Amino acid sequence: MKIDEEQVGTVCVLKPSGTLVAETAVEFSEQLTARTAIPGARVVVSLSDVPYMDSQALEGLLDVADGLASRATTLKLAATSPTCREILKLTGLTGRFQLFSDVDDAVRSFLH
């Protein structure tokens, strides 16, 4: 799995490419957890190149979201592919994340 990482000002943008299932979901979750463990971390996850994610990927996202919630912030997901957006909707998890149509909007949301 390829995971691009870009620093946009003070915001870290992670962009995985490919399906987030089994071992790729674990690999991505570990990298995301490492980035969000830093005090004051500002992280956006772009899911534009993720055509599908399984329950393991959802668990990883939820674990990170819970950790951030304990520090009074939320996980920001951007450019979510239609299938992943539908998975979040069907599982009732859309309210657990801040969803943005594109990465720029998600990054700008840290200024508010």
PDB file of N, CA and C in Angstrom:
ATOM      1  N   MET A   1       0.840  -1.177   0.000  1.00  0.00           N
ATOM      2  CA  MET A   1       0.000   0.000   0.000  1.00  0.00           C
ATOM      3  C   MET A   1       0.880   1.233   0.000  1.00  0.00           C
ATOM      4  N   LYS A   2       0.489   2.195  -0.767  1.00  0.00           N
ATOM      5  CA  LYS A   2       1.192   3.467  -0.820  1.00  0.00           C
ATOM      6  C   LYS A   2       0.426   4.477   0.037  1.00  0.00           C
ATOM      7  N   ILE A   3       1.160   5.174   0.898  1.00  0.00           N
ATOM      8  CA  ILE A   3       0.560   6.216   1.729  1.00  0.00           C
ATOM      9  C   ILE A   3       1.387   7.476   1.539  1.00  0.00           C
ATOM     10  N   ASP A   4       0.822   8.430   0.818  1.00  0.00           N
ATOM     11  CA  ASP A   4       1.505   9.711   0.632  1.00  0.00           C
ATOM     12  C   ASP A   4       1.270  10.564   1.867  1.00  0.00           C
ATOM     13  N   GLU A   5       2.291  11.287   2.246  1.00  0.00           N
ATOM     14  CA  GLU A   5       2.190  12.191   3.388  1.00  0.00           C
ATOM     15  C   GLU A   5       2.692  13.560   2.939  1.00  0.00           C
ATOM     16  N   GLU A   6       1.889  14.571   3.188  1.00  0.00           N
ATOM     17  CA  GLU A   6       2.244  15.931   2.792  1.00  0.00           C
ATOM     18  C   GLU A   6       1.989  16.866   3.958  1.00  0.00           C
ATOM     19  N   GLN A   7       2.889  17.777   4.170  1.00  0.00           N
ATOM     20  CA  GLN A   7       2.714  18.786   5.216  1.00  0.00           C
ATOM     21  C   GLN A   7       2.183  20.053   4.551  1.00  0.00           C
ATOM     22  N   VAL A   8       1.012  20.512   4.963  1.00  0.00           N
ATOM     23  CA  VAL A   8       0.414  21.739   4.451  1.00  0.00           C
ATOM     24  C   VAL A   8       0.344  22.700   5.630  1.00  0.00           C
ATOM     25  N   GLY A   9       1.343  23.561   5.729  1.00  0.00           N
ATOM     26  CA  GLY A   9       1.445  24.424   6.901  1.00  0.00           C
ATOM     27  C   GLY A   9       1.670  23.551   8.127  1.00  0.00           C
ATOM     28  N   THR A  10       0.746  23.654   9.083  1.00  0.00           N
ATOM     29  CA  THR A  10       0.862  22.854  10.308  1.00  0.00           C
ATOM     30  C   THR A  10       0.018  21.580  10.261  1.00  0.00           C
ATOM     31  N   VAL A  11      -0.550  21.284   9.092  1.00  0.00           N
ATOM     32  CA  VAL A  11      -1.454  20.140   8.956  1.00  0.00           C
ATOM     33  C   VAL A  11      -0.765  19.024   8.178  1.00  0.00           C
ATOM     34  N   CYS A  12      -0.841  17.816   8.710  1.00  0.00           N
ATOM     35  CA  CYS A  12      -0.332  16.634   8.031  1.00  0.00           C
ATOM     36  C   CYS A  12      -1.483  16.010   7.248  1.00  0.00           C
ATOM     37  N   VAL A  13      -1.287  15.843   5.938  1.00  0.00           N
ATOM     38  CA  VAL A  13      -2.300  15.221   5.083  1.00  0.00           C
ATOM     39  C   VAL A  13      -1.797  13.830   4.698  1.00  0.00           C
ATOM     40  N   LEU A  14      -2.559  12.811   5.092  1.00  0.00           N
ATOM     41  CA  LEU A  14      -2.250  11.434   4.724  1.00  0.00           C
ATOM     42  C   LEU A  14      -3.187  11.003   3.612  1.00  0.00           C
ATOM     43  N   LYS A  15      -2.610  10.411   2.569  1.00  0.00           N
ATOM     44  CA  LYS A  15      -3.423   9.989   1.428  1.00  0.00           C
ATOM     45  C   LYS A  15      -3.056   8.553   1.052  1.00  0.00           C
ATOM     46  N   PRO A  16      -3.806   7.591   1.597  1.00  0.00           N
ATOM     47  CA  PRO A  16      -3.565   6.202   1.213  1.00  0.00           C
ATOM     48  C   PRO A  16      -4.105   5.938  -0.197  1.00  0.00           C
ATOM     49  N   SER A  17      -3.476   4.996  -0.885  1.00  0.00           N
ATOM     50  CA  SER A  17      -3.935   4.596  -2.222  1.00  0.00           C
ATOM     51  C   SER A  17      -4.165   3.095  -2.235  1.00  0.00           C
ATOM     52  N   GLY A  18      -5.346   2.698  -2.645  1.00  0.00           N
ATOM     53  CA  GLY A  18      -5.698   1.282  -2.697  1.00  0.00           C
ATOM     54  C   GLY A  18      -6.716   0.928  -1.637  1.00  0.00           C
ATOM     55  N   THR A  19      -7.124  -0.311  -1.644  1.00  0.00           N
ATOM     56  CA  THR A  19      -8.128  -0.749  -0.678  1.00  0.00           C
ATOM     57  C   THR A  19      -7.528  -0.828   0.720  1.00  0.00           C
ATOM     58  N   LEU A  20      -8.333  -0.469   1.700  1.00  0.00           N
ATOM     59  CA  LEU A  20      -7.925  -0.562   3.105  1.00  0.00           C
ATOM     60  C   LEU A  20      -8.593  -1.805   3.689  1.00  0.00           C
ATOM     61  N   VAL A  21      -7.915  -2.939   3.525  1.00  0.00           N
ATOM     62  CA  VAL A  21      -8.424  -4.214   4.028  1.00  0.00           C
ATOM     63  C   VAL A  21      -7.276  -4.980   4.665  1.00  0.00           C
ATOM     64  N   ALA A  22      -7.617  -5.757   5.679  1.00  0.00           N
ATOM     65  CA  ALA A  22      -6.656  -6.645   6.356  1.00  0.00           C
ATOM     66  C   ALA A  22      -5.347  -5.941   6.672  1.00  0.00           C
ATOM     67  N   GLU A  23      -4.227  -6.435   6.124  1.00  0.00           N
ATOM     68  CA  GLU A  23      -2.916  -5.897   6.501  1.00  0.00           C
ATOM     69  C   GLU A  23      -2.703  -4.456   6.043  1.00  0.00           C
ATOM     70  N   THR A  24      -3.311  -4.046   4.943  1.00  0.00           N
ATOM     71  CA  THR A  24      -3.144  -2.642   4.531  1.00  0.00           C
ATOM     72  C   THR A  24      -3.875  -1.708   5.483  1.00  0.00           C
ATOM     73  N   ALA A  25      -5.004  -2.170   6.016  1.00  0.00           N
ATOM     74  CA  ALA A  25      -5.740  -1.372   6.998  1.00  0.00           C
ATOM     75  C   ALA A  25      -4.922  -1.212   8.273  1.00  0.00           C
ATOM     76  N   VAL A  26      -4.256  -2.281   8.692  1.00  0.00           N
ATOM     77  CA  VAL A  26      -3.422  -2.232   9.891  1.00  0.00           C
ATOM     78  C   VAL A  26      -2.239  -1.281   9.667  1.00  0.00           C
ATOM     79  N   GLU A  27      -1.585  -1.408   8.520  1.00  0.00           N
ATOM     80  CA  GLU A  27      -0.452  -0.540   8.199  1.00  0.00           C
ATOM     81  C   GLU A  27      -0.861   0.932   8.218  1.00  0.00           C
ATOM     82  N   PHE A  28      -1.999   1.236   7.589  1.00  0.00           N
ATOM     83  CA  PHE A  28      -2.469   2.615   7.557  1.00  0.00           C
ATOM     84  C   PHE A  28      -2.834   3.093   8.959  1.00  0.00           C
ATOM     85  N   SER A  29      -3.522   2.263   9.723  1.00  0.00           N
ATOM     86  CA  SER A  29      -3.919   2.640  11.084  1.00  0.00           C
ATOM     87  C   SER A  29      -2.709   2.949  11.953  1.00  0.00           C
ATOM     88  N   GLU A  30      -1.660   2.163  11.800  1.00  0.00           N
ATOM     89  CA  GLU A  30      -0.446   2.406  12.575  1.00  0.00           C
ATOM     90  C   GLU A  30       0.186   3.744  12.223  1.00  0.00           C
ATOM     91  N   GLN A  31       0.246   4.063  10.932  1.00  0.00           N
ATOM     92  CA  GLN A  31       0.823   5.347  10.519  1.00  0.00           C
ATOM     93  C   GLN A  31      -0.058   6.504  10.988  1.00  0.00           C
ATOM     94  N   LEU A  32      -1.370   6.354  10.869  1.00  0.00           N
ATOM     95  CA  LEU A  32      -2.290   7.400  11.308  1.00  0.00           C
ATOM     96  C   LEU A  32      -2.201   7.599  12.817  1.00  0.00           C
ATOM     97  N   THR A  33      -2.125   6.521  13.566  1.00  0.00           N
ATOM     98  CA  THR A  33      -2.002   6.610  15.018  1.00  0.00           C
ATOM     99  C   THR A  33      -0.722   7.335  15.412  1.00  0.00           C
ATOM    100  N   ALA A  34       0.363   7.030  14.728  1.00  0.00           N
ATOM    101  CA  ALA A  34       1.643   7.695  15.021  1.00  0.00           C
ATOM    102  C   ALA A  34       1.552   9.196  14.762  1.00  0.00           C
ATOM    103  N   ARG A  35       0.884   9.589  13.698  1.00  0.00           N
ATOM    104  CA  ARG A  35       0.769  11.022  13.371  1.00  0.00           C
ATOM    105  C   ARG A  35      -0.141  11.762  14.341  1.00  0.00           C
ATOM    106  N   THR A  36      -1.175  11.096  14.818  1.00  0.00           N
ATOM    107  CA  THR A  36      -2.127  11.777  15.709  1.00  0.00           C
ATOM    108  C   THR A  36      -1.711  11.705  17.166  1.00  0.00           C
ATOM    109  N   ALA A  37      -0.704  10.911  17.499  1.00  0.00           N
ATOM    110  CA  ALA A  37      -0.237  10.798  18.883  1.00  0.00           C
ATOM    111  C   ALA A  37       0.552  12.021  19.327  1.00  0.00           C
ATOM    112  N   ILE A  38       1.012  12.803  18.392  1.00  0.00           N
ATOM    113  CA  ILE A  38       1.787  14.003  18.694  1.00  0.00           C
ATOM    114  C   ILE A  38       0.849  15.054  19.291  1.00  0.00           C
ATOM    115  N   PRO A  39       1.206  15.644  20.437  1.00  0.00           N
ATOM    116  CA  PRO A  39       0.349  16.686  21.021  1.00  0.00           C
ATOM    117  C   PRO A  39       0.108  17.828  20.027  1.00  0.00           C
ATOM    118  N   GLY A  40      -1.135  18.234  19.912  1.00  0.00           N
ATOM    119  CA  GLY A  40      -1.496  19.318  19.001  1.00  0.00           C
ATOM    120  C   GLY A  40      -1.522  18.905  17.545  1.00  0.00           C
ATOM    121  N   ALA A  41      -1.531  17.600  17.280  1.00  0.00           N
ATOM    122  CA  ALA A  41      -1.512  17.100  15.903  1.00  0.00           C
ATOM    123  C   ALA A  41      -2.732  17.587  15.129  1.00  0.00           C
ATOM    124  N   ARG A  42      -2.467  17.957  13.903  1.00  0.00           N
ATOM    125  CA  ARG A  42      -3.526  18.347  12.966  1.00  0.00           C
ATOM    126  C   ARG A  42      -3.381  17.440  11.759  1.00  0.00           C
ATOM    127  N   VAL A  43      -4.344  16.533  11.598  1.00  0.00           N
ATOM    128  CA  VAL A  43      -4.245  15.522  10.553  1.00  0.00           C
ATOM    129  C   VAL A  43      -5.530  15.475   9.740  1.00  0.00           C
ATOM    130  N   VAL A  44      -5.349  15.407   8.426  1.00  0.00           N
ATOM    131  CA  VAL A  44      -6.443  15.204   7.487  1.00  0.00           C
ATOM    132  C   VAL A  44      -6.152  13.919   6.731  1.00  0.00           C
ATOM    133  N   VAL A  45      -7.158  13.086   6.566  1.00  0.00           N
ATOM    134  CA  VAL A  45      -7.021  11.863   5.779  1.00  0.00           C
ATOM    135  C   VAL A  45      -7.812  12.039   4.494  1.00  0.00           C
ATOM    136  N   SER A  46      -7.119  11.970   3.370  1.00  0.00           N
ATOM    137  CA  SER A  46      -7.774  12.026   2.066  1.00  0.00           C
ATOM    138  C   SER A  46      -8.059  10.603   1.617  1.00  0.00           C
ATOM    139  N   LEU A  47      -9.324  10.308   1.380  1.00  0.00           N
ATOM    140  CA  LEU A  47      -9.725   8.964   0.972  1.00  0.00           C
ATOM    141  C   LEU A  47     -10.125   8.898  -0.504  1.00  0.00           C
ATOM    142  N   SER A  48      -9.655   9.848  -1.288  1.00  0.00           N
ATOM    143  CA  SER A  48     -10.037   9.903  -2.706  1.00  0.00           C
ATOM    144  C   SER A  48      -9.535   8.701  -3.499  1.00  0.00           C
ATOM    145  N   ASP A  49      -8.406   8.123  -3.092  1.00  0.00           N
ATOM    146  CA  ASP A  49      -7.838   6.982  -3.817  1.00  0.00           C
ATOM    147  C   ASP A  49      -8.058   5.658  -3.095  1.00  0.00           C
ATOM    148  N   VAL A  50      -9.065   5.633  -2.225  1.00  0.00           N
ATOM    149  CA  VAL A  50      -9.408   4.402  -1.500  1.00  0.00           C
ATOM    150  C   VAL A  50     -10.779   3.946  -2.005  1.00  0.00           C
ATOM    151  N   PRO A  51     -10.795   2.929  -2.883  1.00  0.00           N
ATOM    152  CA  PRO A  51     -12.076   2.499  -3.442  1.00  0.00           C
ATOM    153  C   PRO A  51     -12.945   1.703  -2.480  1.00  0.00           C
ATOM    154  N   TYR A  52     -12.319   1.109  -1.443  1.00  0.00           N
ATOM    155  CA  TYR A  52     -13.075   0.269  -0.511  1.00  0.00           C
ATOM    156  C   TYR A  52     -12.295   0.147   0.795  1.00  0.00           C
ATOM    157  N   MET A  53     -13.029   0.046   1.903  1.00  0.00           N
ATOM    158  CA  MET A  53     -12.396  -0.231   3.194  1.00  0.00           C
ATOM    159  C   MET A  53     -13.276  -1.210   3.956  1.00  0.00           C
ATOM    160  N   ASP A  54     -12.618  -2.072   4.734  1.00  0.00           N
ATOM    161  CA  ASP A  54     -13.351  -3.086   5.486  1.00  0.00           C
ATOM    162  C   ASP A  54     -13.511  -2.675   6.949  1.00  0.00           C
ATOM    163  N   SER A  55     -14.049  -3.590   7.744  1.00  0.00           N
ATOM    164  CA  SER A  55     -14.309  -3.284   9.153  1.00  0.00           C
ATOM    165  C   SER A  55     -13.027  -3.020   9.930  1.00  0.00           C
ATOM    166  N   GLN A  56     -11.932  -3.634   9.528  1.00  0.00           N
ATOM    167  CA  GLN A  56     -10.662  -3.399  10.205  1.00  0.00           C
ATOM    168  C   GLN A  56     -10.209  -1.950   9.994  1.00  0.00           C
ATOM    169  N   ALA A  57     -10.397  -1.438   8.804  1.00  0.00           N
ATOM    170  CA  ALA A  57     -10.059  -0.039   8.520  1.00  0.00           C
ATOM    171  C   ALA A  57     -10.963   0.889   9.327  1.00  0.00           C
ATOM    172  N   LEU A  58     -12.240   0.558   9.394  1.00  0.00           N
ATOM    173  CA  LEU A  58     -13.171   1.377  10.178  1.00  0.00           C
ATOM    174  C   LEU A  58     -12.777   1.390  11.653  1.00  0.00           C
ATOM    175  N   GLU A  59     -12.392   0.239  12.178  1.00  0.00           N
ATOM    176  CA  GLU A  59     -11.963   0.172  13.574  1.00  0.00           C
ATOM    177  C   GLU A  59     -10.741   1.051  13.819  1.00  0.00           C
ATOM    178  N   GLY A  60      -9.799   1.028  12.889  1.00  0.00           N
ATOM    179  CA  GLY A  60      -8.616   1.872  13.012  1.00  0.00           C
ATOM    180  C   GLY A  60      -8.964   3.343  13.012  1.00  0.00           C
ATOM    181  N   LEU A  61      -9.853   3.743  12.096  1.00  0.00           N
ATOM    182  CA  LEU A  61     -10.288   5.143  12.049  1.00  0.00           C
ATOM    183  C   LEU A  61     -11.008   5.525  13.338  1.00  0.00           C
ATOM    184  N   LEU A  62     -11.846   4.628  13.840  1.00  0.00           N
ATOM    185  CA  LEU A  62     -12.577   4.909  15.082  1.00  0.00           C
ATOM    186  C   LEU A  62     -11.641   5.011  16.280  1.00  0.00           C
ATOM    187  N   ASP A  63     -10.633   4.146  16.345  1.00  0.00           N
ATOM    188  CA  ASP A  63      -9.665   4.224  17.447  1.00  0.00           C
ATOM    189  C   ASP A  63      -8.966   5.572  17.454  1.00  0.00           C
ATOM    190  N   VAL A  64      -8.560   6.033  16.282  1.00  0.00           N
ATOM    191  CA  VAL A  64      -7.894   7.337  16.179  1.00  0.00           C
ATOM    192  C   VAL A  64      -8.881   8.453  16.526  1.00  0.00           C
ATOM    193  N   ALA A  65     -10.099   8.358  16.026  1.00  0.00           N
ATOM    194  CA  ALA A  65     -11.109   9.375  16.324  1.00  0.00           C
ATOM    195  C   ALA A  65     -11.380   9.454  17.823  1.00  0.00           C
ATOM    196  N   ASP A  66     -11.443   8.307  18.490  1.00  0.00           N
ATOM    197  CA  ASP A  66     -11.663   8.292  19.943  1.00  0.00           C
ATOM    198  C   ASP A  66     -10.500   8.946  20.678  1.00  0.00           C
ATOM    199  N   GLY A  67      -9.280   8.642  20.242  1.00  0.00           N
ATOM    200  CA  GLY A  67      -8.106   9.264  20.856  1.00  0.00           C
ATOM    201  C   GLY A  67      -8.101  10.768  20.690  1.00  0.00           C
ATOM    202  N   LEU A  68      -8.490  11.231  19.518  1.00  0.00           N
ATOM    203  CA  LEU A  68      -8.549  12.675  19.277  1.00  0.00           C
ATOM    204  C   LEU A  68      -9.689  13.317  20.064  1.00  0.00           C
ATOM    205  N   ALA A  69     -10.799  12.612  20.192  1.00  0.00           N
ATOM    206  CA  ALA A  69     -11.942  13.152  20.942  1.00  0.00           C
ATOM    207  C   ALA A  69     -11.571  13.394  22.398  1.00  0.00           C
ATOM    208  N   SER A  70     -10.707  12.540  22.928  1.00  0.00           N
ATOM    209  CA  SER A  70     -10.286  12.733  24.314  1.00  0.00           C
ATOM    210  C   SER A  70      -9.441  14.005  24.462  1.00  0.00           C
ATOM    211  N   ARG A  71      -8.962  14.524  23.343  1.00  0.00           N
ATOM    212  CA  ARG A  71      -8.207  15.787  23.348  1.00  0.00           C
ATOM    213  C   ARG A  71      -9.027  16.914  22.722  1.00  0.00           C
ATOM    214  N   ALA A  72     -10.346  16.726  22.671  1.00  0.00           N
ATOM    215  CA  ALA A  72     -11.302  17.734  22.208  1.00  0.00           C
ATOM    216  C   ALA A  72     -11.119  18.119  20.745  1.00  0.00           C
ATOM    217  N   THR A  73     -10.836  17.134  19.902  1.00  0.00           N
ATOM    218  CA  THR A  73     -10.782  17.386  18.460  1.00  0.00           C
ATOM    219  C   THR A  73     -11.350  16.170  17.737  1.00  0.00           C
ATOM    220  N   THR A  74     -11.527  16.272  16.432  1.00  0.00           N
ATOM    221  CA  THR A  74     -12.096  15.167  15.661  1.00  0.00           C
ATOM    222  C   THR A  74     -11.203  14.840  14.474  1.00  0.00           C
ATOM    223  N   LEU A  75     -11.351  13.623  13.982  1.00  0.00           N
ATOM    224  CA  LEU A  75     -10.614  13.199  12.801  1.00  0.00           C
ATOM    225  C   LEU A  75     -11.302  13.776  11.578  1.00  0.00           C
ATOM    226  N   LYS A  76     -10.517  14.351  10.688  1.00  0.00           N
ATOM    227  CA  LYS A  76     -11.061  14.983   9.483  1.00  0.00           C
ATOM    228  C   LYS A  76     -10.764  14.114   8.275  1.00  0.00           C
ATOM    229  N   LEU A  77     -11.832  13.720   7.580  1.00  0.00           N
ATOM    230  CA  LEU A  77     -11.719  12.923   6.370  1.00  0.00           C
ATOM    231  C   LEU A  77     -12.109  13.792   5.187  1.00  0.00           C
ATOM    232  N   ALA A  78     -11.324  13.712   4.115  1.00  0.00           N
ATOM    233  CA  ALA A  78     -11.575  14.562   2.952  1.00  0.00           C
ATOM    234  C   ALA A  78     -11.660  13.727   1.684  1.00  0.00           C
ATOM    235  N   ALA A  79     -12.410  14.247   0.723  1.00  0.00           N
ATOM    236  CA  ALA A  79     -12.503  13.661  -0.614  1.00  0.00           C
ATOM    237  C   ALA A  79     -12.803  12.163  -0.552  1.00  0.00           C
ATOM    238  N   THR A  80     -13.721  11.798   0.301  1.00  0.00           N
ATOM    239  CA  THR A  80     -14.064  10.390   0.497  1.00  0.00           C
ATOM    240  C   THR A  80     -14.691   9.829  -0.770  1.00  0.00           C
ATOM    241  N   SER A  81     -14.170   8.688  -1.236  1.00  0.00           N
ATOM    242  CA  SER A  81     -14.712   8.059  -2.446  1.00  0.00           C
ATOM    243  C   SER A  81     -16.180   7.682  -2.205  1.00  0.00           C
ATOM    244  N   PRO A  82     -16.969   7.602  -3.277  1.00  0.00           N
ATOM    245  CA  PRO A  82     -18.397   7.288  -3.104  1.00  0.00           C
ATOM    246  C   PRO A  82     -18.656   5.998  -2.321  1.00  0.00           C
ATOM    247  N   THR A  83     -17.893   4.955  -2.583  1.00  0.00           N
ATOM    248  CA  THR A  83     -18.114   3.680  -1.879  1.00  0.00           C
ATOM    249  C   THR A  83     -17.786   3.824  -0.397  1.00  0.00           C
ATOM    250  N   CYS A  84     -16.667   4.473  -0.083  1.00  0.00           N
ATOM    251  CA  CYS A  84     -16.300   4.660   1.332  1.00  0.00           C
ATOM    252  C   CYS A  84     -17.306   5.548   2.048  1.00  0.00           C
ATOM    253  N   ARG A  85     -17.797   6.565   1.358  1.00  0.00           N
ATOM    254  CA  ARG A  85     -18.817   7.437   1.947  1.00  0.00           C
ATOM    255  C   ARG A  85     -20.075   6.625   2.258  1.00  0.00           C
ATOM    256  N   GLU A  86     -20.444   5.727   1.344  1.00  0.00           N
ATOM    257  CA  GLU A  86     -21.616   4.874   1.552  1.00  0.00           C
ATOM    258  C   GLU A  86     -21.382   3.915   2.717  1.00  0.00           C
ATOM    259  N   ILE A  87     -20.182   3.375   2.845  1.00  0.00           N
ATOM    260  CA  ILE A  87     -19.847   2.481   3.966  1.00  0.00           C
ATOM    261  C   ILE A  87     -19.996   3.230   5.291  1.00  0.00           C
ATOM    262  N   LEU A  88     -19.475   4.453   5.352  1.00  0.00           N
ATOM    263  CA  LEU A  88     -19.609   5.258   6.573  1.00  0.00           C
ATOM    264  C   LEU A  88     -21.080   5.534   6.883  1.00  0.00           C
ATOM    265  N   LYS A  89     -21.859   5.817   5.846  1.00  0.00           N
ATOM    266  CA  LYS A  89     -23.279   6.103   6.036  1.00  0.00           C
ATOM    267  C   LYS A  89     -24.034   4.861   6.518  1.00  0.00           C
ATOM    268  N   LEU A  90     -23.807   3.719   5.864  1.00  0.00           N
ATOM    269  CA  LEU A  90     -24.524   2.491   6.211  1.00  0.00           C
ATOM    270  C   LEU A  90     -24.178   1.985   7.610  1.00  0.00           C
ATOM    271  N   THR A  91     -22.966   2.252   8.051  1.00  0.00           N
ATOM    272  CA  THR A  91     -22.554   1.817   9.392  1.00  0.00           C
ATOM    273  C   THR A  91     -22.907   2.846  10.459  1.00  0.00           C
ATOM    274  N   GLY A  92     -23.462   3.978  10.048  1.00  0.00           N
ATOM    275  CA  GLY A  92     -23.861   5.007  11.004  1.00  0.00           C
ATOM    276  C   GLY A  92     -22.683   5.747  11.620  1.00  0.00           C
ATOM    277  N   LEU A  93     -21.551   5.782  10.918  1.00  0.00           N
ATOM    278  CA  LEU A  93     -20.345   6.377  11.484  1.00  0.00           C
ATOM    279  C   LEU A  93     -20.028   7.781  10.962  1.00  0.00           C
ATOM    280  N   THR A  94     -20.849   8.329  10.108  1.00  0.00           N
ATOM    281  CA  THR A  94     -20.520   9.647   9.552  1.00  0.00           C
ATOM    282  C   THR A  94     -20.400  10.712  10.629  1.00  0.00           C
ATOM    283  N   GLY A  95     -21.141  10.596  11.704  1.00  0.00           N
ATOM    284  CA  GLY A  95     -21.086  11.588  12.772  1.00  0.00           C
ATOM    285  C   GLY A  95     -19.838  11.516  13.632  1.00  0.00           C
ATOM    286  N   ARG A  96     -19.070  10.458  13.490  1.00  0.00           N
ATOM    287  CA  ARG A  96     -17.852  10.297  14.285  1.00  0.00           C
ATOM    288  C   ARG A  96     -16.654  11.034  13.705  1.00  0.00           C
ATOM    289  N   PHE A  97     -16.807  11.529  12.478  1.00  0.00           N
ATOM    290  CA  PHE A  97     -15.722  12.207  11.781  1.00  0.00           C
ATOM    291  C   PHE A  97     -16.217  13.525  11.223  1.00  0.00           C
ATOM    292  N   GLN A  98     -15.299  14.435  10.950  1.00  0.00           N
ATOM    293  CA  GLN A  98     -15.643  15.622  10.179  1.00  0.00           C
ATOM    294  C   GLN A  98     -15.345  15.283   8.733  1.00  0.00           C
ATOM    295  N   LEU A  99     -16.344  15.400   7.873  1.00  0.00           N
ATOM    296  CA  LEU A  99     -16.209  15.053   6.465  1.00  0.00           C
ATOM    297  C   LEU A  99     -16.161  16.321   5.619  1.00  0.00           C
ATOM    298  N   PHE A 100     -15.221  16.348   4.685  1.00  0.00           N
ATOM    299  CA  PHE A 100     -15.041  17.500   3.802  1.00  0.00           C
ATOM    300  C   PHE A 100     -14.988  17.023   2.360  1.00  0.00           C
ATOM    301  N   SER A 101     -15.460  17.861   1.446  1.00  0.00           N
ATOM    302  CA  SER A 101     -15.479  17.475   0.038  1.00  0.00           C
ATOM    303  C   SER A 101     -14.087  17.445  -0.572  1.00  0.00           C
ATOM    304  N   ASP A 102     -13.177  18.252  -0.039  1.00  0.00           N
ATOM    305  CA  ASP A 102     -11.804  18.219  -0.550  1.00  0.00           C
ATOM    306  C   ASP A 102     -10.806  18.535   0.557  1.00  0.00           C
ATOM    307  N   VAL A 103      -9.545  18.256   0.266  1.00  0.00           N
ATOM    308  CA  VAL A 103      -8.478  18.416   1.256  1.00  0.00           C
ATOM    309  C   VAL A 103      -8.311  19.878   1.655  1.00  0.00           C
ATOM    310  N   ASP A 104      -8.412  20.793   0.701  1.00  0.00           N
ATOM    311  CA  ASP A 104      -8.239  22.214   1.015  1.00  0.00           C
ATOM    312  C   ASP A 104      -9.243  22.687   2.061  1.00  0.00           C
ATOM    313  N   ASP A 105     -10.499  22.283   1.923  1.00  0.00           N
ATOM    314  CA  ASP A 105     -11.517  22.671   2.907  1.00  0.00           C
ATOM    315  C   ASP A 105     -11.192  22.088   4.284  1.00  0.00           C
ATOM    316  N   ALA A 106     -10.727  20.847   4.301  1.00  0.00           N
ATOM    317  CA  ALA A 106     -10.376  20.197   5.578  1.00  0.00           C
ATOM    318  C   ALA A 106      -9.207  20.907   6.243  1.00  0.00           C
ATOM    319  N   VAL A 107      -8.195  21.257   5.464  1.00  0.00           N
ATOM    320  CA  VAL A 107      -7.033  21.963   6.015  1.00  0.00           C
ATOM    321  C   VAL A 107      -7.454  23.338   6.538  1.00  0.00           C
ATOM    322  N   ARG A 108      -8.273  24.049   5.765  1.00  0.00           N
ATOM    323  CA  ARG A 108      -8.742  25.379   6.192  1.00  0.00           C
ATOM    324  C   ARG A 108      -9.577  25.315   7.451  1.00  0.00           C
ATOM    325  N   SER A 109     -10.235  24.189   7.696  1.00  0.00           N
ATOM    326  CA  SER A 109     -11.104  24.079   8.876  1.00  0.00           C
ATOM    327  C   SER A 109     -10.305  24.207  10.174  1.00  0.00           C
ATOM    328  N   PHE A 110      -9.012  23.954  10.127  1.00  0.00           N
ATOM    329  CA  PHE A 110      -8.188  24.120  11.325  1.00  0.00           C
ATOM    330  C   PHE A 110      -7.982  25.587  11.685  1.00  0.00           C
ATOM    331  N   LEU A 111      -8.302  26.503  10.771  1.00  0.00           N
ATOM    332  CA  LEU A 111      -8.134  27.936  11.033  1.00  0.00           C
ATOM    333  C   LEU A 111      -9.306  28.521  11.778  1.00  0.00           C
ATOM    334  N   HIS A 112     -10.395  27.778  11.881  1.00  0.00           N
ATOM    335  CA  HIS A 112     -11.622  28.298  12.516  1.00  0.00           C
ATOM    336  C   HIS A 112     -11.662  27.959  13.977  1.00  0.00           C
TER     337      HIS A 112
END
